């Protein structure tokens, strides 16, 4: 997430005296009631808007009328299983005239500056082609894949009779994909900034390029990233990244053919990374240790879809190389002893196998992470099991085993929808090492321009290397505090946010919403000595760009620390980000 936080928020000088829960409750209640009253009054004045429509196959689906969550179901038509005789691609511009209306001069200028997606680019993403059989299920999956590209929106995927076969029309609308990145950060008297740009649909070919320059308290960094999701016109994906900073440099290259559809029979990938950097460790918001580190990684993988009808089952075999080197720790006075260490080297050459059991169950929703855009959420069940062995004779530092398990479960109910994702992984040499567990839970209440988002996230590391540390702060869900305010080896974070959409749905350039929110986090272990729960609450604006392809939403927040205070004051902290806070 990119963003900045401004305010007189110093890590040191926090008031050690606990704030009364009665005062904290009053602060939160005043924020919630005031913002909710303003939002409700403005929202009540919105005129009704006619929803757009999207067609899949020969059926028309309203673009998510209230409540704005719809379970995706397959409704076969009379054209099901007919051979496809022709596929027609109709890419649209960013702004198109409505029924009986033209478009403004501003919209026409935006269209002229934008390079329209080429028909061949859209055709490369389709899961059907002439000579195949028409399937409503495949049309729905194709629409999801097109929405995931973030540079266009599928308007219509429709089949019509063509003799004994069908002709399929795919109509899309482009999104504005050139995005400047200008971010400023001012925390604890230290200012930093970043500037650059990202183009997601280079020359209408669906390629992505991003250039970024960043200056902060730790120095200057520059990065260049290129992403090609359809190398050579197929489903092979190429990604290359280069970076250089005051602390070191990074290089990464990956190429492969992923499981791009539910029925994809095989996948493969080759990837490599090399990173030199300085690892920094924090305690009570201040840096207390650092050391040089170097990482080199190489991975080769090949996967197959196994022939089971009831559950999508995939098996992936891989060979993974990982070399890690750490320098001696440089400690500040009072640093935890767990941060100390001399030079270390660890080599791993691992043969591994992973199996995934997946029962997808998709829903389409609006006004969740984005505004006035259809989003796809998988509420099905997924179980991944991975086991590996790194023997000495392949060059590993020591013979060891590896295991990882991850489970995803979702639910759709009358009050809303949500999911829980949990994972655990560990190395065994022979005792557990780097035992990492994670849990992420979300629940959304969505109804006609009103969204309530609840989130809980936890992470813990046991028998971990000294470089392992979990952070929470102003840039990742604890908005009234510095970026490294909460640090440790076990961390829980909770968030609640109430959003009200204010602008009419017919607005194409900008959507505006208000928000009231509450954040809480706490860490345990090295780096968290003497700290307790951190709480904050605030109000904010959410700005959405329905015709923009990159940012989820522009977020502007004003947050007050509840406990602990910052410098014995509860002055507001202003923050800005290019995506949701959690």
Protein backbone atom coordinates (compact mmCIF):
# COMPACT_ATOMS: atom_id res chain seq x y z
CA UNK A 1 0.00 0.00 0.00
CA UNK A 2 1.32 3.47 -0.86
CA UNK A 3 0.49 6.46 1.28
CA UNK A 4 1.66 9.12 3.68
CA UNK A 5 0.90 10.03 7.24
CA UNK A 6 1.35 13.53 8.65
CA UNK A 7 1.12 14.81 12.18
CA UNK A 8 3.20 15.35 15.25
CA UNK A 9 3.38 11.62 15.94
CA UNK A 10 6.59 10.74 17.79
CA UNK A 11 7.45 7.23 18.84
CA UNK A 12 9.06 8.44 22.02
CA UNK A 13 7.46 10.44 24.80
CA UNK A 14 4.21 8.48 24.96
CA UNK A 15 2.23 9.01 28.12
CA UNK A 16 2.72 5.84 30.22
CA UNK A 17 -0.41 6.50 32.23
CA UNK A 18 -3.40 4.50 30.94
CA UNK A 19 -6.26 6.42 29.39
CA UNK A 20 -9.61 5.72 31.01
CA UNK A 21 -11.88 3.50 28.97
CA UNK A 22 -14.73 5.94 29.60
CA UNK A 23 -12.78 8.77 27.94
CA UNK A 24 -11.77 6.51 25.06
CA UNK A 25 -15.36 5.44 24.56
CA UNK A 26 -16.55 9.06 24.53
CA UNK A 27 -13.94 9.98 21.92
CA UNK A 28 -14.92 7.10 19.68
CA UNK A 29 -18.65 7.68 20.13
CA UNK A 30 -18.40 11.37 19.21
CA UNK A 31 -16.45 10.50 16.02
CA UNK A 32 -18.88 7.76 15.01
CA UNK A 33 -22.06 9.70 15.70
CA UNK A 34 -20.91 12.94 14.05
CA UNK A 35 -19.62 11.31 10.88
CA UNK A 36 -22.55 8.93 10.61
CA UNK A 37 -25.03 11.80 10.95
CA UNK A 38 -23.34 13.81 8.19
CA UNK A 39 -23.09 10.75 5.95
CA UNK A 40 -26.70 9.76 6.49
CA UNK A 41 -27.98 13.26 5.76
CA UNK A 42 -25.99 13.52 2.55
CA UNK A 43 -26.76 9.98 1.45
CA UNK A 44 -30.48 10.54 1.91
CA UNK A 45 -30.35 13.32 -0.66
CA UNK A 46 -28.92 11.14 -3.45
CA UNK A 47 -31.19 10.67 -6.45
CA UNK A 48 -31.84 7.08 -7.52
CA UNK A 49 -29.75 5.75 -10.38
CA UNK A 50 -30.50 3.12 -12.97
CA UNK A 51 -28.05 0.22 -12.77
CA UNK A 52 -25.91 -0.78 -15.72
CA UNK A 53 -26.29 -4.22 -17.18
CA UNK A 54 -23.90 -6.98 -18.15
CA UNK A 55 -24.81 -9.98 -20.24
CA UNK A 56 -23.24 -13.43 -20.11
CA UNK A 57 -24.35 -15.89 -22.76
CA UNK A 58 -27.94 -15.18 -23.71
CA UNK A 59 -29.01 -13.99 -20.26
CA UNK A 60 -29.05 -10.45 -18.84
CA UNK A 61 -27.69 -9.87 -15.36
CA UNK A 62 -28.45 -6.57 -13.63
CA UNK A 63 -25.26 -4.97 -12.35
CA UNK A 64 -25.82 -5.95 -8.75
CA UNK A 65 -28.99 -4.19 -7.54
CA UNK A 66 -29.24 -3.57 -3.81
CA UNK A 67 -28.15 -5.46 -1.82
CA UNK A 68 -24.97 -5.35 -3.89
CA UNK A 69 -23.84 -8.96 -3.42
CA UNK A 70 -24.85 -11.72 -5.84
CA UNK A 71 -23.98 -15.40 -5.80
CA UNK A 72 -22.67 -16.49 -9.19
CA UNK A 73 -24.81 -19.32 -10.57
CA UNK A 74 -24.67 -20.99 -13.96
CA UNK A 75 -27.89 -20.92 -15.98
CA UNK A 76 -27.37 -22.94 -19.16
CA UNK A 77 -29.21 -21.63 -22.20
CA UNK A 78 -30.50 -23.34 -25.32
CA UNK A 79 -27.12 -22.60 -26.92
CA UNK A 80 -25.15 -24.61 -24.36
CA UNK A 81 -22.50 -26.95 -25.88
CA UNK A 82 -23.00 -25.67 -29.44
CA UNK A 83 -19.77 -25.25 -31.42
CA UNK A 84 -18.36 -21.72 -31.57
CA UNK A 85 -18.19 -20.52 -35.15
CA UNK A 86 -16.98 -16.95 -34.63
CA UNK A 87 -15.77 -14.67 -31.80
CA UNK A 88 -16.22 -10.92 -32.26
CA UNK A 89 -14.21 -8.52 -30.06
CA UNK A 90 -15.59 -5.00 -29.49
CA UNK A 91 -13.20 -3.03 -27.24
CA UNK A 92 -14.68 0.26 -26.05
CA UNK A 93 -13.00 3.46 -24.96
CA UNK A 94 -12.79 4.83 -21.42
CA UNK A 95 -15.85 7.02 -21.86
CA UNK A 96 -18.73 6.03 -24.12
CA UNK A 97 -21.93 8.02 -24.76
CA UNK A 98 -25.02 6.79 -22.94
CA UNK A 99 -28.36 6.08 -24.55
CA UNK A 100 -29.39 9.19 -26.49
CA UNK A 101 -26.59 11.27 -24.95
CA UNK A 102 -23.17 12.46 -25.99
CA UNK A 103 -20.05 12.86 -23.90
CA UNK A 104 -18.42 16.03 -22.61
CA UNK A 105 -15.31 17.71 -24.00
CA UNK A 106 -13.34 16.50 -20.96
CA UNK A 107 -14.36 12.91 -21.65
CA UNK A 108 -13.45 13.25 -25.32
CA UNK A 109 -10.00 14.61 -24.36
CA UNK A 110 -9.42 11.65 -22.03
CA UNK A 111 -10.36 9.26 -24.83
CA UNK A 112 -7.89 10.92 -27.21
CA UNK A 113 -5.06 10.68 -24.70
CA UNK A 114 -5.82 7.02 -24.00
CA UNK A 115 -4.61 4.13 -26.19
CA UNK A 116 -7.52 1.74 -26.66
CA UNK A 117 -6.98 -1.94 -25.87
CA UNK A 118 -6.32 -3.92 -29.04
CA UNK A 119 -8.75 -6.69 -29.99
CA UNK A 120 -5.89 -9.23 -30.01
CA UNK A 121 -5.09 -8.33 -26.38
CA UNK A 122 -8.65 -9.18 -25.33
CA UNK A 123 -8.68 -12.33 -27.48
CA UNK A 124 -5.54 -13.63 -25.72
CA UNK A 125 -7.41 -13.54 -22.38
CA UNK A 126 -10.48 -15.48 -23.51
CA UNK A 127 -11.07 -19.04 -22.31
CA UNK A 128 -12.92 -19.99 -25.49
CA UNK A 129 -12.13 -19.83 -29.22
CA UNK A 130 -13.67 -20.80 -32.57
CA UNK A 131 -13.91 -24.56 -32.82
CA UNK A 132 -14.62 -25.05 -29.12
CA UNK A 133 -17.99 -25.50 -27.38
CA UNK A 134 -20.02 -22.67 -25.88
CA UNK A 135 -20.38 -22.84 -22.09
CA UNK A 136 -22.08 -20.39 -19.73
CA UNK A 137 -19.68 -21.44 -16.97
CA UNK A 138 -16.68 -20.59 -19.12
CA UNK A 139 -18.24 -17.21 -20.02
CA UNK A 140 -18.60 -16.34 -16.32
CA UNK A 141 -15.01 -17.39 -15.60
CA UNK A 142 -13.79 -15.35 -18.57
CA UNK A 143 -15.57 -12.28 -17.17
CA UNK A 144 -13.81 -12.76 -13.82
CA UNK A 145 -10.42 -13.06 -15.54
CA UNK A 146 -11.04 -9.89 -17.56
CA UNK A 147 -12.03 -7.92 -14.46
CA UNK A 148 -8.85 -9.10 -12.72
CA UNK A 149 -6.71 -7.42 -15.41
CA UNK A 150 -7.51 -3.95 -13.99
CA UNK A 151 -7.27 -2.24 -17.35
CA UNK A 152 -10.71 -3.07 -18.77
CA UNK A 153 -14.21 -4.12 -17.72
CA UNK A 154 -16.29 -6.78 -19.54
CA UNK A 155 -19.57 -5.21 -20.59
CA UNK A 156 -21.11 -8.10 -22.52
CA UNK A 157 -20.24 -11.72 -23.31
CA UNK A 158 -23.11 -12.98 -25.44
CA UNK A 159 -23.73 -15.94 -27.73
CA UNK A 160 -26.29 -15.91 -30.54
CA UNK A 161 -27.29 -18.61 -33.04
CA UNK A 162 -25.21 -18.90 -36.20
CA UNK A 163 -26.66 -21.85 -38.13
CA UNK A 164 -25.79 -24.97 -36.17
CA UNK A 165 -23.12 -23.06 -34.22
CA UNK A 166 -22.95 -19.79 -32.25
CA UNK A 167 -21.31 -16.41 -32.74
CA UNK A 168 -19.92 -14.93 -29.52
CA UNK A 169 -19.65 -11.17 -28.96
CA UNK A 170 -17.23 -9.89 -26.31
CA UNK A 171 -17.73 -6.20 -25.53
CA UNK A 172 -15.33 -4.46 -23.15
CA UNK A 173 -14.79 -0.94 -21.82
CA UNK A 174 -11.31 0.40 -21.12
CA UNK A 175 -10.16 1.91 -17.84
CA UNK A 176 -7.78 4.83 -17.46
CA UNK A 177 -4.52 3.05 -16.63
CA UNK A 178 -1.77 5.72 -16.47
CA UNK A 179 -1.28 6.57 -12.82
CA UNK A 180 1.23 9.04 -11.33
CA UNK A 181 2.66 7.99 -7.96
CA UNK A 182 3.29 11.02 -5.73
CA UNK A 183 3.42 10.26 -2.01
CA UNK A 184 4.70 12.24 0.98
CA UNK A 185 5.37 11.02 4.49
CA UNK A 186 6.05 13.09 7.61
CA UNK A 187 6.25 11.14 10.87
CA UNK A 188 8.20 12.03 13.96
CA UNK A 189 9.81 15.03 12.27
CA UNK A 190 11.22 12.93 9.42
CA UNK A 191 10.03 13.69 5.91
CA UNK A 192 10.22 11.35 2.95
CA UNK A 193 8.61 11.14 -0.45
CA UNK A 194 8.14 9.10 -3.60
CA UNK A 195 7.36 9.93 -7.19
CA UNK A 196 6.91 7.90 -10.34
CA UNK A 197 4.26 6.45 -12.62
CA UNK A 198 2.60 3.17 -13.51
CA UNK A 199 1.09 2.23 -16.87
CA UNK A 200 -0.99 -0.95 -16.72
CA UNK A 201 -1.93 -1.23 -20.42
CA UNK A 202 1.13 -0.17 -22.38
CA UNK A 203 0.23 0.69 -26.00
CA UNK A 204 -3.05 -1.24 -25.59
CA UNK A 205 -1.13 -4.54 -25.30
CA UNK A 206 -1.94 -5.32 -21.67
CA UNK A 207 1.70 -4.96 -20.56
CA UNK A 208 2.56 -3.12 -17.35
CA UNK A 209 5.52 -0.91 -16.50
CA UNK A 210 6.21 0.99 -13.27
CA UNK A 211 9.00 3.42 -12.35
CA UNK A 212 9.40 4.71 -8.78
CA UNK A 213 11.83 7.00 -6.95
CA UNK A 214 11.67 7.09 -3.15
CA UNK A 215 13.55 9.11 -0.55
CA UNK A 216 13.23 8.36 3.16
CA UNK A 217 15.04 8.30 6.48
CA UNK A 218 17.03 5.22 5.40
CA UNK A 219 18.15 6.67 2.06
CA UNK A 220 17.13 6.75 -1.59
CA UNK A 221 15.73 3.89 -3.67
CA UNK A 222 14.81 3.49 -7.32
CA UNK A 223 12.87 0.64 -8.93
CA UNK A 224 11.69 -0.47 -12.36
CA UNK A 225 9.12 -3.26 -12.88
CA UNK A 226 7.82 -4.81 -16.10
CA UNK A 227 4.95 -7.32 -16.26
CA UNK A 228 3.77 -9.15 -19.41
CA UNK A 229 0.80 -11.45 -18.74
CA UNK A 230 0.65 -12.75 -22.32
CA UNK A 231 4.17 -13.30 -23.54
CA UNK A 232 4.10 -14.09 -27.25
CA UNK A 233 0.30 -13.92 -27.37
CA UNK A 234 -0.30 -16.93 -25.12
CA UNK A 235 -0.84 -17.45 -21.40
CA UNK A 236 2.87 -17.39 -20.52
CA UNK A 237 3.63 -14.63 -18.01
CA UNK A 238 6.90 -12.70 -17.68
CA UNK A 239 7.83 -10.41 -14.81
CA UNK A 240 11.11 -8.53 -14.34
CA UNK A 241 12.09 -6.13 -11.55
CA UNK A 242 15.18 -4.06 -10.83
CA UNK A 243 15.85 -1.97 -7.75
CA UNK A 244 18.69 0.01 -6.23
CA UNK A 245 18.84 1.77 -2.88
CA UNK A 246 21.29 3.21 -0.38
CA UNK A 247 21.22 -0.17 1.43
CA UNK A 248 21.71 -2.46 -1.55
CA UNK A 249 20.04 -3.70 -4.73
CA UNK A 250 17.48 -6.22 -5.93
CA UNK A 251 16.87 -8.18 -9.13
CA UNK A 252 14.04 -10.52 -9.95
CA UNK A 253 12.89 -12.47 -13.00
CA UNK A 254 10.07 -14.98 -13.38
CA UNK A 255 8.45 -16.68 -16.34
CA UNK A 256 5.76 -19.32 -16.37
CA UNK A 257 2.36 -20.53 -17.43
CA UNK A 258 0.05 -20.47 -14.39
CA UNK A 259 -3.25 -22.26 -13.77
CA UNK A 260 -5.09 -19.42 -15.51
CA UNK A 261 -8.47 -21.24 -15.51
CA UNK A 262 -10.23 -23.88 -13.45
CA UNK A 263 -9.80 -26.46 -16.23
CA UNK A 264 -6.17 -25.65 -17.09
CA UNK A 265 -4.43 -29.06 -17.27
CA UNK A 266 -0.82 -28.01 -16.57
CA UNK A 267 1.30 -25.18 -15.25
CA UNK A 268 5.01 -24.42 -15.01
CA UNK A 269 7.24 -21.66 -13.69
CA UNK A 270 10.88 -20.59 -13.36
CA UNK A 271 11.83 -17.72 -11.05
CA UNK A 272 14.96 -16.21 -9.56
CA UNK A 273 15.68 -13.38 -7.11
CA UNK A 274 18.80 -11.72 -5.72
CA UNK A 275 18.57 -9.13 -2.93
CA UNK A 276 21.16 -7.30 -0.84
CA UNK A 277 19.81 -5.04 1.89
CA UNK A 278 20.01 -3.96 5.51
CA UNK A 279 17.54 -5.62 7.89
CA UNK A 280 16.23 -3.21 10.53
CA UNK A 281 14.65 -4.21 13.84
CA UNK A 282 12.47 -1.98 16.03
CA UNK A 283 11.46 -1.59 19.67
CA UNK A 284 8.79 0.86 20.87
CA UNK A 285 8.81 2.61 17.51
CA UNK A 286 12.59 3.16 17.33
CA UNK A 287 15.24 1.30 15.35
CA UNK A 288 17.49 -0.55 17.82
CA UNK A 289 19.36 -3.04 15.60
CA UNK A 290 20.37 -3.67 12.02
CA UNK A 291 22.55 -6.05 10.04
CA UNK A 292 23.47 -6.71 6.43
CA UNK A 293 21.70 -9.52 4.63
CA UNK A 294 21.93 -11.17 1.24
CA UNK A 295 19.39 -13.50 -0.37
CA UNK A 296 19.54 -15.55 -3.55
CA UNK A 297 16.64 -17.79 -4.62
CA UNK A 298 15.80 -20.02 -7.58
CA UNK A 299 12.63 -22.05 -8.10
CA UNK A 300 11.52 -24.54 -10.77
CA UNK A 301 7.97 -25.92 -10.65
CA UNK A 302 5.56 -27.99 -12.73
CA UNK A 303 1.92 -28.65 -11.92
CA UNK A 304 -0.90 -30.89 -13.11
CA UNK A 305 -4.67 -30.90 -12.68
CA UNK A 306 -5.64 -34.36 -11.43
CA UNK A 307 -8.73 -36.05 -12.96
CA UNK A 308 -11.26 -35.68 -10.13
CA UNK A 309 -14.72 -34.34 -11.03
CA UNK A 310 -16.17 -33.24 -7.70
CA UNK A 311 -13.16 -31.20 -6.48
CA UNK A 312 -10.51 -29.32 -8.44
CA UNK A 313 -7.28 -31.08 -7.43
CA UNK A 314 -3.85 -29.87 -8.46
CA UNK A 315 -0.42 -31.36 -7.82
CA UNK A 316 2.75 -29.27 -8.13
CA UNK A 317 6.31 -30.60 -7.91
CA UNK A 318 9.16 -28.15 -7.37
CA UNK A 319 12.88 -27.74 -6.78
CA UNK A 320 13.82 -24.69 -4.68
CA UNK A 321 17.22 -23.18 -3.93
CA UNK A 322 17.63 -20.57 -1.20
CA UNK A 323 20.89 -19.02 0.03
CA UNK A 324 20.78 -16.57 2.93
CA UNK A 325 23.68 -14.71 4.54
CA UNK A 326 23.46 -12.41 7.55
CA UNK A 327 26.12 -10.08 8.87
CA UNK A 328 26.82 -9.33 12.52
CA UNK A 329 24.15 -7.30 14.32
CA UNK A 330 24.76 -3.65 15.14
CA UNK A 331 22.88 -3.00 18.40
CA UNK A 332 21.74 0.21 20.06
CA UNK A 333 21.79 0.45 23.86
CA UNK A 334 18.84 -1.43 25.35
CA UNK A 335 18.22 -3.63 22.31
CA UNK A 336 16.70 -7.05 23.10
CA UNK A 337 19.31 -9.83 23.30
CA UNK A 338 17.34 -11.81 20.67
CA UNK A 339 18.47 -9.21 18.10
CA UNK A 340 22.15 -10.03 18.65
CA UNK A 341 24.03 -12.42 16.39
CA UNK A 342 27.17 -12.94 14.41
CA UNK A 343 27.70 -13.81 10.78
CA UNK A 344 25.49 -16.68 9.57
CA UNK A 345 24.94 -18.60 6.34
CA UNK A 346 22.08 -20.92 5.45
CA UNK A 347 21.72 -22.93 2.22
CA UNK A 348 18.65 -24.92 1.24
CA UNK A 349 18.19 -27.20 -1.79
CA UNK A 350 14.69 -28.61 -1.46
CA UNK A 351 12.54 -31.06 -3.40
CA UNK A 352 8.87 -30.42 -2.64
CA UNK A 353 5.35 -31.48 -3.56
CA UNK A 354 2.16 -29.48 -3.01
CA UNK A 355 -1.44 -30.63 -3.47
CA UNK A 356 -4.46 -28.32 -3.53
CA UNK A 357 -8.11 -29.31 -3.10
CA UNK A 358 -10.40 -26.49 -4.25
CA UNK A 359 -14.17 -26.05 -4.41
CA UNK A 360 -14.69 -22.50 -5.75
CA UNK A 361 -17.87 -20.58 -4.95
CA UNK A 362 -17.76 -17.04 -6.28
CA UNK A 363 -19.86 -14.01 -5.43
CA UNK A 364 -19.93 -10.66 -7.19
CA UNK A 365 -20.08 -7.53 -5.03
CA UNK A 366 -19.80 -3.76 -5.29
CA UNK A 367 -18.71 -0.99 -2.90
CA UNK A 368 -16.40 -3.30 -0.92
CA UNK A 369 -12.73 -2.47 -1.59
CA UNK A 370 -13.53 -0.42 -4.69
CA UNK A 371 -16.36 1.95 -5.48
CA UNK A 372 -18.87 1.33 -8.26
CA UNK A 373 -16.88 -1.60 -9.64
CA UNK A 374 -17.85 -5.27 -9.66
CA UNK A 375 -15.44 -7.29 -7.50
CA UNK A 376 -15.12 -11.07 -7.38
CA UNK A 377 -14.71 -12.98 -4.11
CA UNK A 378 -14.19 -16.73 -3.76
CA UNK A 379 -16.12 -18.00 -0.72
CA UNK A 380 -15.45 -21.65 -1.45
CA UNK A 381 -13.10 -23.97 0.41
CA UNK A 382 -9.47 -24.51 -0.43
CA UNK A 383 -6.87 -26.72 1.26
CA UNK A 384 -3.17 -26.65 0.35
CA UNK A 385 -0.66 -29.13 1.74
CA UNK A 386 3.05 -28.88 0.95
CA UNK A 387 5.91 -31.14 2.08
CA UNK A 388 9.57 -30.98 1.16
CA UNK A 389 12.99 -32.36 2.00
CA UNK A 390 16.36 -30.63 1.69
CA UNK A 391 19.16 -33.26 1.86
CA UNK A 392 22.81 -32.50 2.49
CA UNK A 393 24.00 -34.23 -0.68
CA UNK A 394 22.24 -31.53 -2.79
CA UNK A 395 24.21 -28.81 -1.02
CA UNK A 396 21.95 -27.88 1.92
CA UNK A 397 23.59 -26.63 5.11
CA UNK A 398 21.86 -29.39 7.04
CA UNK A 399 19.36 -32.07 6.16
CA UNK A 400 15.89 -30.80 6.99
CA UNK A 401 12.21 -31.32 6.23
CA UNK A 402 9.60 -28.68 5.48
CA UNK A 403 5.83 -28.58 5.85
CA UNK A 404 3.09 -26.05 5.15
CA UNK A 405 -0.69 -26.15 5.36
CA UNK A 406 -3.21 -23.48 4.38
CA UNK A 407 -6.99 -23.51 4.51
CA UNK A 408 -9.45 -20.92 3.14
CA UNK A 409 -13.14 -20.99 4.08
CA UNK A 410 -15.83 -18.48 3.10
CA UNK A 411 -19.49 -17.88 3.90
CA UNK A 412 -22.39 -15.94 2.40
CA UNK A 413 -25.25 -14.98 4.70
CA UNK A 414 -28.12 -12.55 4.89
CA UNK A 415 -26.06 -10.04 6.89
CA UNK A 416 -23.19 -10.13 4.40
CA UNK A 417 -20.24 -12.31 3.47
CA UNK A 418 -16.70 -13.04 4.62
CA UNK A 419 -13.90 -15.54 4.91
CA UNK A 420 -11.17 -16.95 7.15
CA UNK A 421 -7.71 -17.85 5.86
CA UNK A 422 -5.24 -19.68 8.08
CA UNK A 423 -1.80 -21.13 7.44
CA UNK A 424 1.12 -22.67 9.31
CA UNK A 425 4.58 -23.59 8.07
CA UNK A 426 7.81 -24.82 9.63
CA UNK A 427 11.25 -26.20 8.93
CA UNK A 428 12.33 -29.30 10.83
CA UNK A 429 16.06 -29.77 11.55
CA UNK A 430 15.12 -31.96 13.49
CA UNK A 431 13.43 -29.55 15.92
CA UNK A 432 11.04 -26.90 14.49
CA UNK A 433 12.65 -23.77 13.05
CA UNK A 434 10.95 -20.71 11.55
CA UNK A 435 7.51 -21.86 12.73
CA UNK A 436 5.21 -19.22 11.22
CA UNK A 437 1.43 -19.14 11.65
CA UNK A 438 -1.04 -16.64 10.18
CA UNK A 439 -4.77 -15.96 10.34
CA UNK A 440 -6.81 -13.41 8.39
CA UNK A 441 -10.57 -12.98 8.82
CA UNK A 442 -12.93 -10.55 7.06
CA UNK A 443 -16.66 -9.87 7.15
CA UNK A 444 -18.53 -7.31 5.04
CA UNK A 445 -22.07 -5.98 5.47
CA UNK A 446 -23.04 -4.47 2.09
CA UNK A 447 -26.33 -2.80 1.22
CA UNK A 448 -27.17 0.06 -1.13
CA UNK A 449 -24.27 2.48 -0.76
CA UNK A 450 -23.46 1.40 2.80
CA UNK A 451 -20.61 -0.96 3.71
CA UNK A 452 -19.36 -2.11 7.10
CA UNK A 453 -15.97 -3.86 7.01
CA UNK A 454 -14.64 -5.91 9.94
CA UNK A 455 -11.17 -7.45 9.94
CA UNK A 456 -8.96 -9.48 12.26
CA UNK A 457 -5.38 -10.45 11.45
CA UNK A 458 -2.84 -12.37 13.48
CA UNK A 459 0.68 -13.60 12.85
CA UNK A 460 3.21 -15.34 15.04
CA UNK A 461 6.72 -16.70 14.70
CA UNK A 462 8.33 -19.35 16.89
CA UNK A 463 11.97 -20.46 16.84
CA UNK A 464 12.42 -17.78 14.17
CA UNK A 465 15.62 -16.22 12.85
CA UNK A 466 16.62 -12.80 14.19
CA UNK A 467 15.43 -11.11 10.99
CA UNK A 468 11.81 -12.09 11.68
CA UNK A 469 9.69 -9.22 13.01
CA UNK A 470 6.05 -8.20 12.50
CA UNK A 471 5.13 -4.51 12.28
CA UNK A 472 1.93 -2.50 12.51
CA UNK A 473 1.51 1.24 12.21
CA UNK A 474 0.26 4.14 10.16
CA UNK A 475 0.76 2.47 6.77
CA UNK A 476 -0.82 -0.90 7.54
CA UNK A 477 -3.94 -0.56 9.61
CA UNK A 478 -3.04 1.48 12.73
CA UNK A 479 -3.54 4.95 11.36
CA UNK A 480 -2.76 7.27 14.30
CA UNK A 481 0.73 5.92 14.97
CA UNK A 482 4.12 5.80 13.22
CA UNK A 483 4.78 3.04 10.70
CA UNK A 484 6.84 0.91 13.13
CA UNK A 485 4.94 1.77 16.33
CA UNK A 486 4.01 -1.86 17.07
CA UNK A 487 6.73 -4.49 16.62
CA UNK A 488 7.19 -8.02 17.88
CA UNK A 489 7.14 -11.70 16.96
CA UNK A 490 3.44 -12.19 17.71
CA UNK A 491 0.87 -9.60 16.66
CA UNK A 492 -2.91 -9.18 16.51
CA UNK A 493 -4.67 -6.37 14.68
CA UNK A 494 -8.39 -5.54 14.57
CA UNK A 495 -10.18 -3.03 12.33
CA UNK A 496 -13.76 -1.82 11.91
CA UNK A 497 -14.87 0.70 9.28
CA UNK A 498 -18.30 2.07 8.36
CA UNK A 499 -18.51 3.60 4.84
CA UNK A 500 -21.37 5.59 3.28
CA UNK A 501 -21.48 6.34 -0.45
CA UNK A 502 -22.59 9.93 -1.16
CA UNK A 503 -22.46 10.61 -4.90
CA UNK A 504 -24.99 9.44 -7.52
CA UNK A 505 -24.15 6.27 -9.40
CA UNK A 506 -24.38 8.05 -12.74
CA UNK A 507 -21.20 10.01 -11.96
CA UNK A 508 -18.43 8.61 -14.18
CA UNK A 509 -15.43 10.65 -13.06
CA UNK A 510 -15.55 10.52 -9.27
CA UNK A 511 -17.35 8.74 -6.44
CA UNK A 512 -17.21 10.04 -2.87
CA UNK A 513 -17.87 8.23 0.40
CA UNK A 514 -17.41 9.00 4.09
CA UNK A 515 -15.99 6.61 6.66
CA UNK A 516 -15.70 6.24 10.41
CA UNK A 517 -13.28 3.67 11.77
CA UNK A 518 -11.56 2.08 14.75
CA UNK A 519 -8.15 0.33 14.82
CA UNK A 520 -6.44 -1.74 17.50
CA UNK A 521 -3.20 -3.73 17.58
CA UNK A 522 -0.80 -5.33 20.02
CA UNK A 523 2.48 -7.21 19.74
CA UNK A 524 4.37 -9.57 22.02
CA UNK A 525 7.97 -10.76 22.12
CA UNK A 526 11.27 -9.02 21.33
CA UNK A 527 10.61 -5.41 20.34
CA UNK A 528 7.31 -5.16 22.26
CA UNK A 529 8.66 -4.93 25.82
CA UNK A 530 6.61 -2.58 27.99
CA UNK A 531 3.91 -1.93 25.38
CA UNK A 532 0.22 -2.84 25.48
CA UNK A 533 -2.76 -2.40 23.21
CA UNK A 534 -2.75 0.51 20.74
CA UNK A 535 -6.17 2.05 19.91
CA UNK A 536 -7.26 4.83 17.57
CA UNK A 537 -10.43 6.13 15.93
CA UNK A 538 -11.19 8.63 13.20
CA UNK A 539 -13.16 9.80 10.20
CA UNK A 540 -12.28 10.01 6.54
CA UNK A 541 -13.20 10.35 2.89
CA UNK A 542 -13.01 7.66 0.21
CA UNK A 543 -12.61 8.80 -3.41
CA UNK A 544 -13.24 6.27 -6.16
CA UNK A 545 -12.58 6.59 -9.87
CA UNK A 546 -14.93 4.21 -11.73
CA UNK A 547 -13.01 4.65 -14.98
CA UNK A 548 -9.58 4.31 -13.37
CA UNK A 549 -7.78 1.01 -13.49
CA UNK A 550 -5.10 1.13 -10.80
CA UNK A 551 -6.01 2.49 -7.39
CA UNK A 552 -8.65 0.67 -5.41
CA UNK A 553 -9.67 3.92 -3.74
CA UNK A 554 -8.04 7.15 -2.63
CA UNK A 555 -8.21 7.34 1.16
CA UNK A 556 -8.00 10.56 3.22
CA UNK A 557 -8.27 10.04 6.99
CA UNK A 558 -8.12 12.08 10.20
CA UNK A 559 -7.29 9.87 13.18
CA UNK A 560 -7.02 10.45 16.93
CA UNK A 561 -4.87 8.19 19.16
CA UNK A 562 -6.87 6.81 22.09
CA UNK A 563 -4.28 4.73 23.91
CA UNK A 564 -1.39 5.28 24.29
CA UNK A 565 -1.26 9.00 23.61
CA UNK A 566 1.56 10.51 21.57
CA UNK A 567 3.69 12.98 23.46
CA UNK A 568 0.90 13.20 26.09
CA UNK A 569 -1.38 14.74 23.47
CA UNK A 570 -4.25 13.48 21.34
CA UNK A 571 -3.66 15.65 18.33
CA UNK A 572 -5.16 14.45 15.04
CA UNK A 573 -2.99 12.63 12.54
CA UNK A 574 -3.73 13.14 8.83
CA UNK A 575 -3.05 10.26 6.46
CA UNK A 576 -3.43 9.62 2.76
CA UNK A 577 -3.26 6.35 0.86
CA UNK A 578 -3.95 4.89 -2.57
CA UNK A 579 -5.84 1.85 -1.27
CA UNK A 580 -7.95 0.79 1.69
CA UNK A 581 -6.13 0.81 5.04
CA UNK A 582 -6.57 -2.94 5.63
